[in-house]
Amino acid sequence: MPKDNVVRQLGKYYGVVFLLPASILAGWIIGYFLDRIFGTHILKIVFLFLGVAAGIIEVIRELSAADAGK
């Protein structure tokens, strides 16, 4: 059983590793397409920063939930 617990923890933290880059990429993609629709060049940067902020908040939330479970 202890090995199963280690595998679960590895899976949870492996997901956290991809959380921040995925949020940044999602923000950039949304900003890119909104820039193309509206003909601007600033929304890409705005949504990139929103993606960074959302990713950091979610990583903190996941890690604090993992610490609370210990």
C-alpha atoms as a PDB file:
ATOM      1  CA  MET A   1       0.000   0.000   0.000  1.00  0.00           C
ATOM      2  CA  PRO A   2       2.689   2.613   0.739  1.00  0.00           C
ATOM      3  CA  LYS A   3       3.944   2.358  -2.840  1.00  0.00           C
ATOM      4  CA  ASP A   4       0.452   3.206  -4.102  1.00  0.00           C
ATOM      5  CA  ASN A   5       0.445   6.334  -1.926  1.00  0.00           C
ATOM      6  CA  VAL A   6       3.803   7.437  -3.359  1.00  0.00           C
ATOM      7  CA  VAL A   7       2.521   6.982  -6.906  1.00  0.00           C
ATOM      8  CA  ARG A   8      -0.545   9.097  -6.131  1.00  0.00           C
ATOM      9  CA  GLN A   9       1.578  11.876  -4.660  1.00  0.00           C
ATOM     10  CA  LEU A  10       3.885  11.791  -7.667  1.00  0.00           C
ATOM     11  CA  GLY A  11       0.890  12.071  -9.972  1.00  0.00           C
ATOM     12  CA  LYS A  12      -0.493  15.027  -8.044  1.00  0.00           C
ATOM     13  CA  TYR A  13       2.800  16.924  -8.078  1.00  0.00           C
ATOM     14  CA  TYR A  14       3.426  16.001 -11.704  1.00  0.00           C
ATOM     15  CA  GLY A  15       0.170  17.781 -12.546  1.00  0.00           C
ATOM     16  CA  VAL A  16       1.308  20.854 -10.598  1.00  0.00           C
ATOM     17  CA  VAL A  17       4.454  21.017 -12.731  1.00  0.00           C
ATOM     18  CA  PHE A  18       2.397  21.554 -15.881  1.00  0.00           C
ATOM     19  CA  LEU A  19      -0.125  23.890 -14.293  1.00  0.00           C
ATOM     20  CA  LEU A  20       1.852  27.119 -14.573  1.00  0.00           C
ATOM     21  CA  PRO A  21       3.065  26.676 -18.183  1.00  0.00           C
ATOM     22  CA  ALA A  22      -0.424  25.596 -19.259  1.00  0.00           C
ATOM     23  CA  SER A  23      -1.982  28.697 -17.686  1.00  0.00           C
ATOM     24  CA  ILE A  24       0.578  30.965 -19.320  1.00  0.00           C
ATOM     25  CA  LEU A  25       0.033  29.326 -22.704  1.00  0.00           C
ATOM     26  CA  ALA A  26      -3.747  29.534 -22.382  1.00  0.00           C
ATOM     27  CA  GLY A  27      -3.565  33.235 -21.518  1.00  0.00           C
ATOM     28  CA  TRP A  28      -1.261  33.940 -24.435  1.00  0.00           C
ATOM     29  CA  ILE A  29      -3.454  32.033 -26.901  1.00  0.00           C
ATOM     30  CA  ILE A  30      -6.605  33.840 -25.746  1.00  0.00           C
ATOM     31  CA  GLY A  31      -4.835  37.192 -26.029  1.00  0.00           C
ATOM     32  CA  TYR A  32      -3.442  36.310 -29.446  1.00  0.00           C
ATOM     33  CA  PHE A  33      -6.837  35.487 -30.897  1.00  0.00           C
ATOM     34  CA  LEU A  34      -8.479  38.531 -29.309  1.00  0.00           C
ATOM     35  CA  ASP A  35      -5.702  40.670 -30.801  1.00  0.00           C
ATOM     36  CA  ARG A  36      -6.459  39.241 -34.229  1.00  0.00           C
ATOM     37  CA  ILE A  37     -10.200  39.793 -33.820  1.00  0.00           C
ATOM     38  CA  PHE A  38      -9.947  43.385 -32.571  1.00  0.00           C
ATOM     39  CA  GLY A  39      -6.818  44.387 -34.494  1.00  0.00           C
ATOM     40  CA  THR A  40      -4.820  45.338 -31.411  1.00  0.00           C
ATOM     41  CA  HIS A  41      -1.419  44.301 -30.097  1.00  0.00           C
ATOM     42  CA  ILE A  42      -1.725  44.737 -26.333  1.00  0.00           C
ATOM     43  CA  LEU A  43      -4.260  42.063 -25.392  1.00  0.00           C
ATOM     44  CA  LYS A  44      -1.695  39.320 -25.904  1.00  0.00           C
ATOM     45  CA  ILE A  45       0.478  40.807 -23.162  1.00  0.00           C
ATOM     46  CA  VAL A  46      -2.472  41.512 -20.852  1.00  0.00           C
ATOM     47  CA  PHE A  47      -3.774  37.965 -21.087  1.00  0.00           C
ATOM     48  CA  LEU A  48      -0.244  36.592 -20.753  1.00  0.00           C
ATOM     49  CA  PHE A  49       0.057  38.352 -17.383  1.00  0.00           C
ATOM     50  CA  LEU A  50      -3.415  37.148 -16.413  1.00  0.00           C
ATOM     51  CA  GLY A  51      -2.323  33.604 -17.261  1.00  0.00           C
ATOM     52  CA  VAL A  52       0.809  33.986 -15.136  1.00  0.00           C
ATOM     53  CA  ALA A  53      -1.242  35.296 -12.210  1.00  0.00           C
ATOM     54  CA  ALA A  54      -3.845  32.556 -12.548  1.00  0.00           C
ATOM     55  CA  GLY A  55      -1.137  29.902 -12.769  1.00  0.00           C
ATOM     56  CA  ILE A  56       0.673  31.141  -9.669  1.00  0.00           C
ATOM     57  CA  ILE A  57      -2.571  31.331  -7.703  1.00  0.00           C
ATOM     58  CA  GLU A  58      -3.522  27.811  -8.737  1.00  0.00           C
ATOM     59  CA  VAL A  59      -0.075  26.399  -7.889  1.00  0.00           C
ATOM     60  CA  ILE A  60      -0.250  28.006  -4.441  1.00  0.00           C
ATOM     61  CA  ARG A  61      -3.762  26.638  -3.974  1.00  0.00           C
ATOM     62  CA  GLU A  62      -2.727  23.116  -4.968  1.00  0.00           C
ATOM     63  CA  LEU A  63       0.381  23.088  -2.798  1.00  0.00           C
ATOM     64  CA  SER A  64      -1.427  24.508   0.243  1.00  0.00           C
ATOM     65  CA  ALA A  65      -4.139  21.873  -0.161  1.00  0.00           C
ATOM     66  CA  ALA A  66      -1.417  19.209  -0.306  1.00  0.00           C
ATOM     67  CA  ASP A  67       0.164  20.575   2.886  1.00  0.00           C
ATOM     68  CA  ALA A  68      -3.193  20.688   4.665  1.00  0.00           C
ATOM     69  CA  GLY A  69      -3.725  17.006   3.862  1.00  0.00           C
ATOM     70  CA  LYS A  70      -0.530  15.978   5.673  1.00  0.00           C
END
